[in-house]
C-alpha cells in the first residue's frame, strides 16, 4: 500500500477510534507531518488530505466503513475491530478494488495502538 494512503487511513482510523479532532498525522515511514482535516466520527468520514490535495469520504456503521479516495478514484473498505474504549485498534483490514474491479486485501495491521494523531 502506498505511503500516502497508509497515512490517510491511519488518520481516519485514529479519528474514528479516539473520537478526537486532529490537524494531521505523523508519517514515520516518510518522516513527515501530513496535514488533514474534516470529519471522521460516528458514521461519517469526510477528510481532506492537504498533502495529496484531495478528499476521502464515505460512511459506515462504527466498525465497517466504505470510503472513496477522490484523488485516485479508488474504492476502499475499512474494517476496525478491537477495544475502542482503550483507543486501541486490534485489527485493521483495508480492501481496495484494482483497475479490473477485483477486490483484494491491501493491508492487515494487527495490534495498532495509540495512533499518533497531532494534538488538535
PDB file of N, CA and C in Angstrom:
ATOM      1  N   UNK A   1       0.844  -1.176   0.000  1.00  0.00           N
ATOM      2  CA  UNK A   1       0.000   0.000   0.000  1.00  0.00           C
ATOM      3  C   UNK A   1       0.889   1.238   0.000  1.00  0.00           C
ATOM      4  N   UNK A   2       0.500   2.228  -0.773  1.00  0.00           N
ATOM      5  CA  UNK A   2       1.260   3.457  -0.885  1.00  0.00           C
ATOM      6  C   UNK A   2       1.303   4.190   0.454  1.00  0.00           C
ATOM      7  N   UNK A   3       2.419   4.867   0.714  1.00  0.00           N
ATOM      8  CA  UNK A   3       2.623   5.543   2.000  1.00  0.00           C
ATOM      9  C   UNK A   3       1.566   6.612   2.257  1.00  0.00           C
ATOM     10  N   UNK A   4       1.190   7.363   1.233  1.00  0.00           N
ATOM     11  CA  UNK A   4       0.204   8.427   1.445  1.00  0.00           C
ATOM     12  C   UNK A   4      -1.166   7.855   1.813  1.00  0.00           C
ATOM     13  N   UNK A   5      -1.517   6.717   1.226  1.00  0.00           N
ATOM     14  CA  UNK A   5      -2.797   6.086   1.545  1.00  0.00           C
ATOM     15  C   UNK A   5      -2.765   5.479   2.946  1.00  0.00           C
ATOM     16  N   UNK A   6      -1.639   4.886   3.311  1.00  0.00           N
ATOM     17  CA  UNK A   6      -1.475   4.323   4.652  1.00  0.00           C
ATOM     18  C   UNK A   6      -1.609   5.412   5.714  1.00  0.00           C
ATOM     19  N   UNK A   7      -1.010   6.588   5.469  1.00  0.00           N
ATOM     20  CA  UNK A   7      -1.109   7.696   6.422  1.00  0.00           C
ATOM     21  C   UNK A   7      -2.545   8.189   6.539  1.00  0.00           C
ATOM     22  N   UNK A   8      -3.231   8.302   5.411  1.00  0.00           N
ATOM     23  CA  UNK A   8      -4.622   8.774   5.433  1.00  0.00           C
ATOM     24  C   UNK A   8      -5.523   7.808   6.195  1.00  0.00           C
ATOM     25  N   UNK A   9      -5.340   6.511   5.975  1.00  0.00           N
ATOM     26  CA  UNK A   9      -6.175   5.525   6.665  1.00  0.00           C
ATOM     27  C   UNK A   9      -5.837   5.447   8.151  1.00  0.00           C
ATOM     28  N   UNK A  10      -4.570   5.645   8.504  1.00  0.00           N
ATOM     29  CA  UNK A  10      -4.202   5.698   9.924  1.00  0.00           C
ATOM     30  C   UNK A  10      -4.867   6.906  10.580  1.00  0.00           C
ATOM     31  N   UNK A  11      -4.889   8.026   9.871  1.00  0.00           N
ATOM     32  CA  UNK A  11      -5.540   9.234  10.390  1.00  0.00           C
ATOM     33  C   UNK A  11      -7.038   8.993  10.588  1.00  0.00           C
ATOM     34  N   UNK A  12      -7.681   8.430   9.577  1.00  0.00           N
ATOM     35  CA  UNK A  12      -9.119   8.161   9.664  1.00  0.00           C
ATOM     36  C   UNK A  12      -9.415   7.184  10.792  1.00  0.00           C
ATOM     37  N   UNK A  13      -8.663   6.077  10.866  1.00  0.00           N
ATOM     38  CA  UNK A  13      -8.889   5.084  11.922  1.00  0.00           C
ATOM     39  C   UNK A  13      -8.646   5.696  13.296  1.00  0.00           C
ATOM     40  N   UNK A  14      -7.599   6.491  13.427  1.00  0.00           N
ATOM     41  CA  UNK A  14      -7.315   7.142  14.711  1.00  0.00           C
ATOM     42  C   UNK A  14      -8.422   8.079  15.138  1.00  0.00           C
ATOM     43  N   UNK A  15      -8.944   8.853  14.194  1.00  0.00           N
ATOM     44  CA  UNK A  15     -10.047   9.765  14.498  1.00  0.00           C
ATOM     45  C   UNK A  15     -11.309   8.990  14.874  1.00  0.00           C
ATOM     46  N   UNK A  16     -11.613   7.926  14.140  1.00  0.00           N
ATOM     47  CA  UNK A  16     -12.814   7.146  14.421  1.00  0.00           C
ATOM     48  C   UNK A  16     -12.747   6.468  15.789  1.00  0.00           C
ATOM     49  N   UNK A  17     -11.588   5.930  16.113  1.00  0.00           N
ATOM     50  CA  UNK A  17     -11.436   5.200  17.375  1.00  0.00           C
ATOM     51  C   UNK A  17     -11.377   6.145  18.566  1.00  0.00           C
ATOM     52  N   UNK A  18     -10.617   7.233  18.442  1.00  0.00           N
ATOM     53  CA  UNK A  18     -10.435   8.133  19.582  1.00  0.00           C
ATOM     54  C   UNK A  18     -11.577   9.129  19.742  1.00  0.00           C
ATOM     55  N   UNK A  19     -12.246   9.468  18.638  1.00  0.00           N
ATOM     56  CA  UNK A  19     -13.291  10.490  18.681  1.00  0.00           C
ATOM     57  C   UNK A  19     -12.732  11.892  18.826  1.00  0.00           C
ATOM     58  N   UNK A  20     -11.411  12.047  18.691  1.00  0.00           N
ATOM     59  CA  UNK A  20     -10.755  13.344  18.887  1.00  0.00           C
ATOM     60  C   UNK A  20     -10.459  14.023  17.554  1.00  0.00           C
ATOM     61  N   UNK A  21     -10.488  15.355  17.568  1.00  0.00           N
ATOM     62  CA  UNK A  21     -10.072  16.125  16.399  1.00  0.00           C
ATOM     63  C   UNK A  21      -8.560  16.146  16.329  1.00  0.00           C
ATOM     64  N   UNK A  22      -8.028  16.280  15.124  1.00  0.00           N
ATOM     65  CA  UNK A  22      -6.590  16.349  14.943  1.00  0.00           C
ATOM     66  C   UNK A  22      -6.302  17.043  13.620  1.00  0.00           C
ATOM     67  N   UNK A  23      -5.252  17.871  13.572  1.00  0.00           N
ATOM     68  CA  UNK A  23      -4.908  18.532  12.316  1.00  0.00           C
ATOM     69  C   UNK A  23      -4.060  17.672  11.376  1.00  0.00           C
ATOM     70  N   UNK A  24      -3.752  16.436  11.757  1.00  0.00           N
ATOM     71  CA  UNK A  24      -2.960  15.584  10.881  1.00  0.00           C
ATOM     72  C   UNK A  24      -2.371  14.399  11.614  1.00  0.00           C
ATOM     73  N   UNK A  25      -1.433  13.761  10.947  1.00  0.00           N
ATOM     74  CA  UNK A  25      -0.800  12.557  11.481  1.00  0.00           C
ATOM     75  C   UNK A  25       0.684  12.601  11.122  1.00  0.00           C
ATOM     76  N   UNK A  26       1.517  11.996  11.967  1.00  0.00           N
ATOM     77  CA  UNK A  26       2.942  11.902  11.658  1.00  0.00           C
ATOM     78  C   UNK A  26       3.190  10.592  10.931  1.00  0.00           C
ATOM     79  N   UNK A  27       3.728  10.682   9.730  1.00  0.00           N
ATOM     80  CA  UNK A  27       4.040   9.504   8.925  1.00  0.00           C
ATOM     81  C   UNK A  27       5.514   9.165   9.148  1.00  0.00           C
ATOM     82  N   UNK A  28       5.776   8.157   9.973  1.00  0.00           N
ATOM     83  CA  UNK A  28       7.157   7.781  10.296  1.00  0.00           C
ATOM     84  C   UNK A  28       7.900   7.250   9.077  1.00  0.00           C
ATOM     85  N   UNK A  29       7.195   6.579   8.159  1.00  0.00           N
ATOM     86  CA  UNK A  29       7.873   5.991   7.002  1.00  0.00           C
ATOM     87  C   UNK A  29       8.441   7.062   6.077  1.00  0.00           C
ATOM     88  N   UNK A  30       7.825   8.254   6.075  1.00  0.00           N
ATOM     89  CA  UNK A  30       8.316   9.348   5.226  1.00  0.00           C
ATOM     90  C   UNK A  30       8.916  10.486   6.044  1.00  0.00           C
ATOM     91  N   UNK A  31       8.967  10.309   7.361  1.00  0.00           N
ATOM     92  CA  UNK A  31       9.496  11.330   8.280  1.00  0.00           C
ATOM     93  C   UNK A  31       8.885  12.696   8.022  1.00  0.00           C
ATOM     94  N   UNK A  32       7.551  12.726   8.003  1.00  0.00           N
ATOM     95  CA  UNK A  32       6.881  13.994   7.737  1.00  0.00           C
ATOM     96  C   UNK A  32       5.522  14.060   8.420  1.00  0.00           C
ATOM     97  N   UNK A  33       5.073  15.278   8.639  1.00  0.00           N
ATOM     98  CA  UNK A  33       3.738  15.513   9.137  1.00  0.00           C
ATOM     99  C   UNK A  33       2.807  15.634   7.945  1.00  0.00           C
ATOM    100  N   UNK A  34       1.682  14.942   7.996  1.00  0.00           N
ATOM    101  CA  UNK A  34       0.695  15.004   6.924  1.00  0.00           C
ATOM    102  C   UNK A  34      -0.518  15.742   7.477  1.00  0.00           C
ATOM    103  N   UNK A  35      -0.805  16.901   6.914  1.00  0.00           N
ATOM    104  CA  UNK A  35      -1.902  17.730   7.391  1.00  0.00           C
ATOM    105  C   UNK A  35      -3.206  17.272   6.748  1.00  0.00           C
ATOM    106  N   UNK A  36      -4.201  17.000   7.593  1.00  0.00           N
ATOM    107  CA  UNK A  36      -5.524  16.572   7.147  1.00  0.00           C
ATOM    108  C   UNK A  36      -6.555  17.233   8.038  1.00  0.00           C
ATOM    109  N   UNK A  37      -7.741  17.419   7.501  1.00  0.00           N
ATOM    110  CA  UNK A  37      -8.824  17.922   8.337  1.00  0.00           C
ATOM    111  C   UNK A  37     -10.151  17.432   7.787  1.00  0.00           C
ATOM    112  N   UNK A  38     -11.196  17.648   8.563  1.00  0.00           N
ATOM    113  CA  UNK A  38     -12.525  17.216   8.173  1.00  0.00           C
ATOM    114  C   UNK A  38     -13.198  16.458   9.288  1.00  0.00           C
ATOM    115  N   UNK A  39     -14.094  15.578   8.911  1.00  0.00           N
ATOM    116  CA  UNK A  39     -14.899  14.822   9.864  1.00  0.00           C
ATOM    117  C   UNK A  39     -14.630  13.328   9.732  1.00  0.00           C
ATOM    118  N   UNK A  40     -14.430  12.665  10.847  1.00  0.00           N
ATOM    119  CA  UNK A  40     -14.345  11.204  10.916  1.00  0.00           C
ATOM    120  C   UNK A  40     -14.908  10.828  12.273  1.00  0.00           C
ATOM    121  N   UNK A  41     -16.214  10.699  12.324  1.00  0.00           N
ATOM    122  CA  UNK A  41     -16.883  10.448  13.598  1.00  0.00           C
ATOM    123  C   UNK A  41     -18.207   9.742  13.341  1.00  0.00           C
ATOM    124  N   UNK A  42     -18.475   8.731  14.166  1.00  0.00           N
ATOM    125  CA  UNK A  42     -19.735   8.005  14.010  1.00  0.00           C
ATOM    126  C   UNK A  42     -19.805   7.304  12.667  1.00  0.00           C
ATOM    127  N   UNK A  43     -20.801   7.667  11.875  1.00  0.00           N
ATOM    128  CA  UNK A  43     -20.995   7.005  10.587  1.00  0.00           C
ATOM    129  C   UNK A  43     -20.441   7.785   9.404  1.00  0.00           C
ATOM    130  N   UNK A  44     -19.871   8.975   9.660  1.00  0.00           N
ATOM    131  CA  UNK A  44     -19.463   9.863   8.563  1.00  0.00           C
ATOM    132  C   UNK A  44     -17.945  10.028   8.494  1.00  0.00           C
ATOM    133  N   UNK A  45     -17.399   9.919   7.281  1.00  0.00           N
ATOM    134  CA  UNK A  45     -15.999  10.231   7.012  1.00  0.00           C
ATOM    135  C   UNK A  45     -15.965  11.207   5.847  1.00  0.00           C
ATOM    136  N   UNK A  46     -15.385  12.372   6.081  1.00  0.00           N
ATOM    137  CA  UNK A  46     -15.213  13.391   5.034  1.00  0.00           C
ATOM    138  C   UNK A  46     -13.929  14.143   5.351  1.00  0.00           C
ATOM    139  N   UNK A  47     -12.821  13.670   4.809  1.00  0.00           N
ATOM    140  CA  UNK A  47     -11.482  14.166   5.134  1.00  0.00           C
ATOM    141  C   UNK A  47     -10.866  14.821   3.905  1.00  0.00           C
ATOM    142  N   UNK A  48     -10.087  15.885   4.133  1.00  0.00           N
ATOM    143  CA  UNK A  48      -9.286  16.471   3.062  1.00  0.00           C
ATOM    144  C   UNK A  48      -7.819  16.253   3.403  1.00  0.00           C
ATOM    145  N   UNK A  49      -7.093  15.606   2.487  1.00  0.00           N
ATOM    146  CA  UNK A  49      -5.662  15.340   2.631  1.00  0.00           C
ATOM    147  C   UNK A  49      -4.911  16.464   1.920  1.00  0.00           C
ATOM    148  N   UNK A  50      -4.279  17.352   2.693  1.00  0.00           N
ATOM    149  CA  UNK A  50      -3.597  18.511   2.117  1.00  0.00           C
ATOM    150  C   UNK A  50      -2.337  18.110   1.359  1.00  0.00           C
ATOM    151  N   UNK A  51      -1.711  16.997   1.738  1.00  0.00           N
ATOM    152  CA  UNK A  51      -0.517  16.529   1.045  1.00  0.00           C
ATOM    153  C   UNK A  51      -0.857  16.106  -0.385  1.00  0.00           C
ATOM    154  N   UNK A  52      -1.958  15.388  -0.556  1.00  0.00           N
ATOM    155  CA  UNK A  52      -2.379  14.901  -1.878  1.00  0.00           C
ATOM    156  C   UNK A  52      -3.401  15.817  -2.547  1.00  0.00           C
ATOM    157  N   UNK A  53      -3.878  16.820  -1.795  1.00  0.00           N
ATOM    158  CA  UNK A  53      -4.865  17.784  -2.297  1.00  0.00           C
ATOM    159  C   UNK A  53      -6.121  17.088  -2.835  1.00  0.00           C
ATOM    160  N   UNK A  54      -6.691  16.222  -1.990  1.00  0.00           N
ATOM    161  CA  UNK A  54      -7.896  15.506  -2.403  1.00  0.00           C
ATOM    162  C   UNK A  54      -8.727  15.096  -1.188  1.00  0.00           C
ATOM    163  N   UNK A  55      -9.957  14.725  -1.465  1.00  0.00           N
ATOM    164  CA  UNK A  55     -10.891  14.284  -0.428  1.00  0.00           C
ATOM    165  C   UNK A  55     -10.923  12.761  -0.343  1.00  0.00           C
ATOM    166  N   UNK A  56     -11.229  12.293   0.865  1.00  0.00           N
ATOM    167  CA  UNK A  56     -11.551  10.892   1.108  1.00  0.00           C
ATOM    168  C   UNK A  56     -12.856  10.925   1.879  1.00  0.00           C
ATOM    169  N   UNK A  57     -13.875  10.290   1.353  1.00  0.00           N
ATOM    170  CA  UNK A  57     -15.182  10.373   2.003  1.00  0.00           C
ATOM    171  C   UNK A  57     -15.874   9.020   1.974  1.00  0.00           C
ATOM    172  N   UNK A  58     -16.881   8.899   2.837  1.00  0.00           N
ATOM    173  CA  UNK A  58     -17.660   7.670   2.891  1.00  0.00           C
ATOM    174  C   UNK A  58     -18.482   7.597   4.151  1.00  0.00           C
ATOM    175  N   UNK A  59     -18.980   6.412   4.411  1.00  0.00           N
ATOM    176  CA  UNK A  59     -19.820   6.217   5.590  1.00  0.00           C
ATOM    177  C   UNK A  59     -19.633   4.801   6.109  1.00  0.00           C
ATOM    178  N   UNK A  60     -20.141   4.592   7.330  1.00  0.00           N
ATOM    179  CA  UNK A  60     -20.016   3.278   7.944  1.00  0.00           C
ATOM    180  C   UNK A  60     -20.901   3.141   9.153  1.00  0.00           C
ATOM    181  N   UNK A  61     -20.720   2.034   9.857  1.00  0.00           N
ATOM    182  CA  UNK A  61     -21.573   1.719  10.998  1.00  0.00           C
ATOM    183  C   UNK A  61     -20.819   1.651  12.325  1.00  0.00           C
ATOM    184  N   UNK A  62     -19.591   2.132  12.350  1.00  0.00           N
ATOM    185  CA  UNK A  62     -18.797   2.083  13.573  1.00  0.00           C
ATOM    186  C   UNK A  62     -17.686   1.058  13.516  1.00  0.00           C
ATOM    187  N   UNK A  63     -17.840   0.036  12.693  1.00  0.00           N
ATOM    188  CA  UNK A  63     -16.772  -0.949  12.537  1.00  0.00           C
ATOM    189  C   UNK A  63     -16.432  -1.195  11.063  1.00  0.00           C
ATOM    190  N   UNK A  64     -17.380  -0.993  10.181  1.00  0.00           N
ATOM    191  CA  UNK A  64     -17.175  -1.197   8.741  1.00  0.00           C
ATOM    192  C   UNK A  64     -17.458   0.115   8.013  1.00  0.00           C
ATOM    193  N   UNK A  65     -16.482   0.594   7.240  1.00  0.00           N
ATOM    194  CA  UNK A  65     -16.613   1.854   6.511  1.00  0.00           C
ATOM    195  C   UNK A  65     -16.315   1.632   5.037  1.00  0.00           C
ATOM    196  N   UNK A  66     -17.136   2.230   4.187  1.00  0.00           N
ATOM    197  CA  UNK A  66     -16.927   2.194   2.746  1.00  0.00           C
ATOM    198  C   UNK A  66     -16.510   3.593   2.314  1.00  0.00           C
ATOM    199  N   UNK A  67     -15.275   3.713   1.852  1.00  0.00           N
ATOM    200  CA  UNK A  67     -14.672   5.006   1.559  1.00  0.00           C
ATOM    201  C   UNK A  67     -14.354   5.124   0.068  1.00  0.00           C
ATOM    202  N   UNK A  68     -14.204   6.366  -0.372  1.00  0.00           N
ATOM    203  CA  UNK A  68     -13.778   6.626  -1.744  1.00  0.00           C
ATOM    204  C   UNK A  68     -12.676   7.676  -1.711  1.00  0.00           C
ATOM    205  N   UNK A  69     -11.536   7.331  -2.307  1.00  0.00           N
ATOM    206  CA  UNK A  69     -10.403   8.251  -2.405  1.00  0.00           C
ATOM    207  C   UNK A  69     -10.577   9.005  -3.722  1.00  0.00           C
ATOM    208  N   UNK A  70     -10.976  10.263  -3.626  1.00  0.00           N
ATOM    209  CA  UNK A  70     -11.316  11.040  -4.816  1.00  0.00           C
ATOM    210  C   UNK A  70     -10.107  11.359  -5.691  1.00  0.00           C
ATOM    211  N   UNK A  71      -8.928  11.454  -5.105  1.00  0.00           N
ATOM    212  CA  UNK A  71      -7.731  11.755  -5.878  1.00  0.00           C
ATOM    213  C   UNK A  71      -7.290  10.606  -6.755  1.00  0.00           C
ATOM    214  N   UNK A  72      -7.592   9.383  -6.329  1.00  0.00           N
ATOM    215  CA  UNK A  72      -7.169   8.208  -7.083  1.00  0.00           C
ATOM    216  C   UNK A  72      -8.346   7.431  -7.666  1.00  0.00           C
ATOM    217  N   UNK A  73      -9.549   7.942  -7.460  1.00  0.00           N
ATOM    218  CA  UNK A  73     -10.764   7.248  -7.922  1.00  0.00           C
ATOM    219  C   UNK A  73     -10.744   5.786  -7.467  1.00  0.00           C
ATOM    220  N   UNK A  74     -10.496   5.591  -6.163  1.00  0.00           N
ATOM    221  CA  UNK A  74     -10.314   4.250  -5.606  1.00  0.00           C
ATOM    222  C   UNK A  74     -11.314   3.999  -4.487  1.00  0.00           C
ATOM    223  N   UNK A  75     -12.027   2.881  -4.573  1.00  0.00           N
ATOM    224  CA  UNK A  75     -12.935   2.461  -3.511  1.00  0.00           C
ATOM    225  C   UNK A  75     -12.148   1.683  -2.471  1.00  0.00           C
ATOM    226  N   UNK A  76     -12.419   1.956  -1.185  1.00  0.00           N
ATOM    227  CA  UNK A  76     -11.689   1.325  -0.084  1.00  0.00           C
ATOM    228  C   UNK A  76     -12.689   0.868   0.960  1.00  0.00           C
ATOM    229  N   UNK A  77     -12.508  -0.343   1.460  1.00  0.00           N
ATOM    230  CA  UNK A  77     -13.317  -0.849   2.566  1.00  0.00           C
ATOM    231  C   UNK A  77     -12.422  -0.920   3.791  1.00  0.00           C
ATOM    232  N   UNK A  78     -12.803  -0.215   4.849  1.00  0.00           N
ATOM    233  CA  UNK A  78     -12.015  -0.157   6.081  1.00  0.00           C
ATOM    234  C   UNK A  78     -12.805  -0.828   7.196  1.00  0.00           C
ATOM    235  N   UNK A  79     -12.230  -1.849   7.813  1.00  0.00           N
ATOM    236  CA  UNK A  79     -12.877  -2.559   8.910  1.00  0.00           C
ATOM    237  C   UNK A  79     -12.037  -2.397  10.171  1.00  0.00           C
ATOM    238  N   UNK A  80     -12.666  -1.910  11.239  1.00  0.00           N
ATOM    239  CA  UNK A  80     -12.000  -1.747  12.525  1.00  0.00           C
ATOM    240  C   UNK A  80     -12.534  -2.794  13.487  1.00  0.00           C
ATOM    241  N   UNK A  81     -11.630  -3.490  14.138  1.00  0.00           N
ATOM    242  CA  UNK A  81     -12.032  -4.464  15.151  1.00  0.00           C
ATOM    243  C   UNK A  81     -11.143  -4.274  16.353  1.00  0.00           C
ATOM    244  N   UNK A  82     -11.735  -4.288  17.536  1.00  0.00           N
ATOM    245  CA  UNK A  82     -10.911  -4.181  18.727  1.00  0.00           C
ATOM    246  C   UNK A  82     -11.612  -3.463  19.842  1.00  0.00           C
ATOM    247  N   UNK A  83     -10.822  -3.057  20.828  1.00  0.00           N
ATOM    248  CA  UNK A  83     -11.315  -2.411  22.027  1.00  0.00           C
ATOM    249  C   UNK A  83     -11.183  -0.905  21.872  1.00  0.00           C
ATOM    250  N   UNK A  84     -12.201  -0.261  21.270  1.00  0.00           N
ATOM    251  CA  UNK A  84     -12.090   1.166  21.022  1.00  0.00           C
ATOM    252  C   UNK A  84     -12.192   1.997  22.293  1.00  0.00           C
ATOM    253  N   UNK A  85     -12.633   1.416  23.400  1.00  0.00           N
ATOM    254  CA  UNK A  85     -12.699   2.183  24.643  1.00  0.00           C
ATOM    255  C   UNK A  85     -11.300   2.501  25.179  1.00  0.00           C
ATOM    256  N   UNK A  86     -10.309   1.750  24.756  1.00  0.00           N
ATOM    257  CA  UNK A  86      -8.931   1.972  25.199  1.00  0.00           C
ATOM    258  C   UNK A  86      -8.086   2.624  24.107  1.00  0.00           C
ATOM    259  N   UNK A  87      -8.747   3.241  23.102  1.00  0.00           N
ATOM    260  CA  UNK A  87      -8.041   3.835  21.972  1.00  0.00           C
ATOM    261  C   UNK A  87      -7.093   2.841  21.319  1.00  0.00           C
ATOM    262  N   UNK A  88      -7.537   1.593  21.217  1.00  0.00           N
ATOM    263  CA  UNK A  88      -6.732   0.540  20.622  1.00  0.00           C
ATOM    264  C   UNK A  88      -7.500  -0.101  19.481  1.00  0.00           C
ATOM    265  N   UNK A  89      -6.853  -0.233  18.348  1.00  0.00           N
ATOM    266  CA  UNK A  89      -7.435  -0.961  17.235  1.00  0.00           C
ATOM    267  C   UNK A  89      -6.710  -2.295  17.190  1.00  0.00           C
ATOM    268  N   UNK A  90      -7.435  -3.369  17.455  1.00  0.00           N
ATOM    269  CA  UNK A  90      -6.784  -4.665  17.435  1.00  0.00           C
ATOM    270  C   UNK A  90      -6.404  -5.062  16.018  1.00  0.00           C
ATOM    271  N   UNK A  91      -7.314  -4.900  15.079  1.00  0.00           N
ATOM    272  CA  UNK A  91      -7.043  -5.266  13.696  1.00  0.00           C
ATOM    273  C   UNK A  91      -7.687  -4.267  12.753  1.00  0.00           C
ATOM    274  N   UNK A  92      -6.966  -3.863  11.746  1.00  0.00           N
ATOM    275  CA  UNK A  92      -7.497  -3.003  10.691  1.00  0.00           C
ATOM    276  C   UNK A  92      -7.368  -3.767   9.381  1.00  0.00           C
ATOM    277  N   UNK A  93      -8.484  -3.949   8.696  1.00  0.00           N
ATOM    278  CA  UNK A  93      -8.476  -4.566   7.374  1.00  0.00           C
ATOM    279  C   UNK A  93      -8.787  -3.483   6.352  1.00  0.00           C
ATOM    280  N   UNK A  94      -8.013  -3.409   5.307  1.00  0.00           N
ATOM    281  CA  UNK A  94      -8.279  -2.460   4.228  1.00  0.00           C
ATOM    282  C   UNK A  94      -8.375  -3.248   2.929  1.00  0.00           C
ATOM    283  N   UNK A  95      -9.537  -3.158   2.288  1.00  0.00           N
ATOM    284  CA  UNK A  95      -9.736  -3.791   0.994  1.00  0.00           C
ATOM    285  C   UNK A  95      -9.847  -2.699  -0.057  1.00  0.00           C
ATOM    286  N   UNK A  96      -9.324  -2.958  -1.232  1.00  0.00           N
ATOM    287  CA  UNK A  96      -9.463  -1.995  -2.308  1.00  0.00           C
ATOM    288  C   UNK A  96      -9.688  -2.734  -3.623  1.00  0.00           C
ATOM    289  N   UNK A  97     -10.324  -2.051  -4.552  1.00  0.00           N
ATOM    290  CA  UNK A  97     -10.558  -2.622  -5.879  1.00  0.00           C
ATOM    291  C   UNK A  97      -9.414  -2.219  -6.797  1.00  0.00           C
ATOM    292  N   UNK A  98      -8.905  -3.197  -7.542  1.00  0.00           N
ATOM    293  CA  UNK A  98      -7.865  -2.876  -8.514  1.00  0.00           C
ATOM    294  C   UNK A  98      -8.512  -2.337  -9.790  1.00  0.00           C
ATOM    295  N   UNK A  99      -7.712  -2.041 -10.776  1.00  0.00           N
ATOM    296  CA  UNK A  99      -8.236  -1.434 -12.008  1.00  0.00           C
ATOM    297  C   UNK A  99      -9.223  -2.353 -12.732  1.00  0.00           C
ATOM    298  N   UNK A 100      -9.116  -3.642 -12.523  1.00  0.00           N
ATOM    299  CA  UNK A 100     -10.040  -4.593 -13.146  1.00  0.00           C
ATOM    300  C   UNK A 100     -11.315  -4.771 -12.315  1.00  0.00           C
ATOM    301  N   UNK A 101     -11.384  -4.118 -11.170  1.00  0.00           N
ATOM    302  CA  UNK A 101     -12.567  -4.200 -10.328  1.00  0.00           C
ATOM    303  C   UNK A 101     -12.532  -5.320  -9.300  1.00  0.00           C
ATOM    304  N   UNK A 102     -11.441  -6.086  -9.253  1.00  0.00           N
ATOM    305  CA  UNK A 102     -11.336  -7.187  -8.298  1.00  0.00           C
ATOM    306  C   UNK A 102     -11.000  -6.656  -6.910  1.00  0.00           C
ATOM    307  N   UNK A 103     -11.725  -7.135  -5.898  1.00  0.00           N
ATOM    308  CA  UNK A 103     -11.493  -6.717  -4.514  1.00  0.00           C
ATOM    309  C   UNK A 103     -10.352  -7.537  -3.927  1.00  0.00           C
ATOM    310  N   UNK A 104      -9.396  -6.864  -3.296  1.00  0.00           N
ATOM    311  CA  UNK A 104      -8.270  -7.587  -2.707  1.00  0.00           C
ATOM    312  C   UNK A 104      -7.892  -6.967  -1.369  1.00  0.00           C
ATOM    313  N   UNK A 105      -7.313  -7.793  -0.498  1.00  0.00           N
ATOM    314  CA  UNK A 105      -6.833  -7.325   0.798  1.00  0.00           C
ATOM    315  C   UNK A 105      -5.534  -6.567   0.569  1.00  0.00           C
ATOM    316  N   UNK A 106      -5.551  -5.268   0.893  1.00  0.00           N
ATOM    317  CA  UNK A 106      -4.364  -4.441   0.671  1.00  0.00           C
ATOM    318  C   UNK A 106      -3.443  -4.439   1.879  1.00  0.00           C
ATOM    319  N   UNK A 107      -4.018  -4.440   3.069  1.00  0.00           N
ATOM    320  CA  UNK A 107      -3.194  -4.430   4.275  1.00  0.00           C
ATOM    321  C   UNK A 107      -4.013  -4.983   5.430  1.00  0.00           C
ATOM    322  N   UNK A 108      -3.351  -5.663   6.310  1.00  0.00           N
ATOM    323  CA  UNK A 108      -3.957  -6.111   7.561  1.00  0.00           C
ATOM    324  C   UNK A 108      -2.962  -5.764   8.653  1.00  0.00           C
ATOM    325  N   UNK A 109      -3.316  -4.796   9.469  1.00  0.00           N
ATOM    326  CA  UNK A 109      -2.422  -4.356  10.540  1.00  0.00           C
ATOM    327  C   UNK A 109      -2.971  -4.855  11.869  1.00  0.00           C
ATOM    328  N   UNK A 110      -2.163  -5.556  12.614  1.00  0.00           N
ATOM    329  CA  UNK A 110      -2.596  -6.099  13.899  1.00  0.00           C
ATOM    330  C   UNK A 110      -1.990  -5.304  15.050  1.00  0.00           C
ATOM    331  N   UNK A 111      -2.745  -5.210  16.118  1.00  0.00           N
ATOM    332  CA  UNK A 111      -2.287  -4.566  17.339  1.00  0.00           C
ATOM    333  C   UNK A 111      -1.771  -3.150  17.107  1.00  0.00           C
ATOM    334  N   UNK A 112      -2.549  -2.373  16.369  1.00  0.00           N
ATOM    335  CA  UNK A 112      -2.217  -0.969  16.165  1.00  0.00           C
ATOM    336  C   UNK A 112      -2.692  -0.215  17.399  1.00  0.00           C
ATOM    337  N   UNK A 113      -1.780   0.356  18.136  1.00  0.00           N
ATOM    338  CA  UNK A 113      -2.135   1.039  19.371  1.00  0.00           C
ATOM    339  C   UNK A 113      -1.686   2.494  19.327  1.00  0.00           C
ATOM    340  N   UNK A 114      -2.517   3.346  19.909  1.00  0.00           N
ATOM    341  CA  UNK A 114      -2.174   4.763  20.064  1.00  0.00           C
ATOM    342  C   UNK A 114      -1.682   5.401  18.764  1.00  0.00           C
ATOM    343  N   UNK A 115      -2.559   5.425  17.777  1.00  0.00           N
ATOM    344  CA  UNK A 115      -2.237   6.075  16.513  1.00  0.00           C
ATOM    345  C   UNK A 115      -1.779   7.497  16.804  1.00  0.00           C
ATOM    346  N   UNK A 116      -0.667   7.917  16.237  1.00  0.00           N
ATOM    347  CA  UNK A 116      -0.052   9.194  16.583  1.00  0.00           C
ATOM    348  C   UNK A 116      -0.690  10.351  15.822  1.00  0.00           C
ATOM    349  N   UNK A 117      -1.862  10.765  16.300  1.00  0.00           N
ATOM    350  CA  UNK A 117      -2.501  11.947  15.763  1.00  0.00           C
ATOM    351  C   UNK A 117      -1.809  13.180  16.323  1.00  0.00           C
ATOM    352  N   UNK A 118      -1.794  14.249  15.578  1.00  0.00           N
ATOM    353  CA  UNK A 118      -1.236  15.502  16.074  1.00  0.00           C
ATOM    354  C   UNK A 118      -2.211  16.119  17.060  1.00  0.00           C
ATOM    355  N   UNK A 119      -1.701  16.805  18.055  1.00  0.00           N
ATOM    356  CA  UNK A 119      -2.569  17.459  19.047  1.00  0.00           C
ATOM    357  C   UNK A 119      -3.386  18.535  18.360  1.00  0.00           C
ATOM    358  N   UNK A 120      -4.706  18.553  18.651  1.00  0.00           N
ATOM    359  CA  UNK A 120      -5.616  19.465  17.963  1.00  0.00           C
ATOM    360  C   UNK A 120      -5.687  20.819  18.547  1.00  0.00           C
TER     361      UNK A 120
END
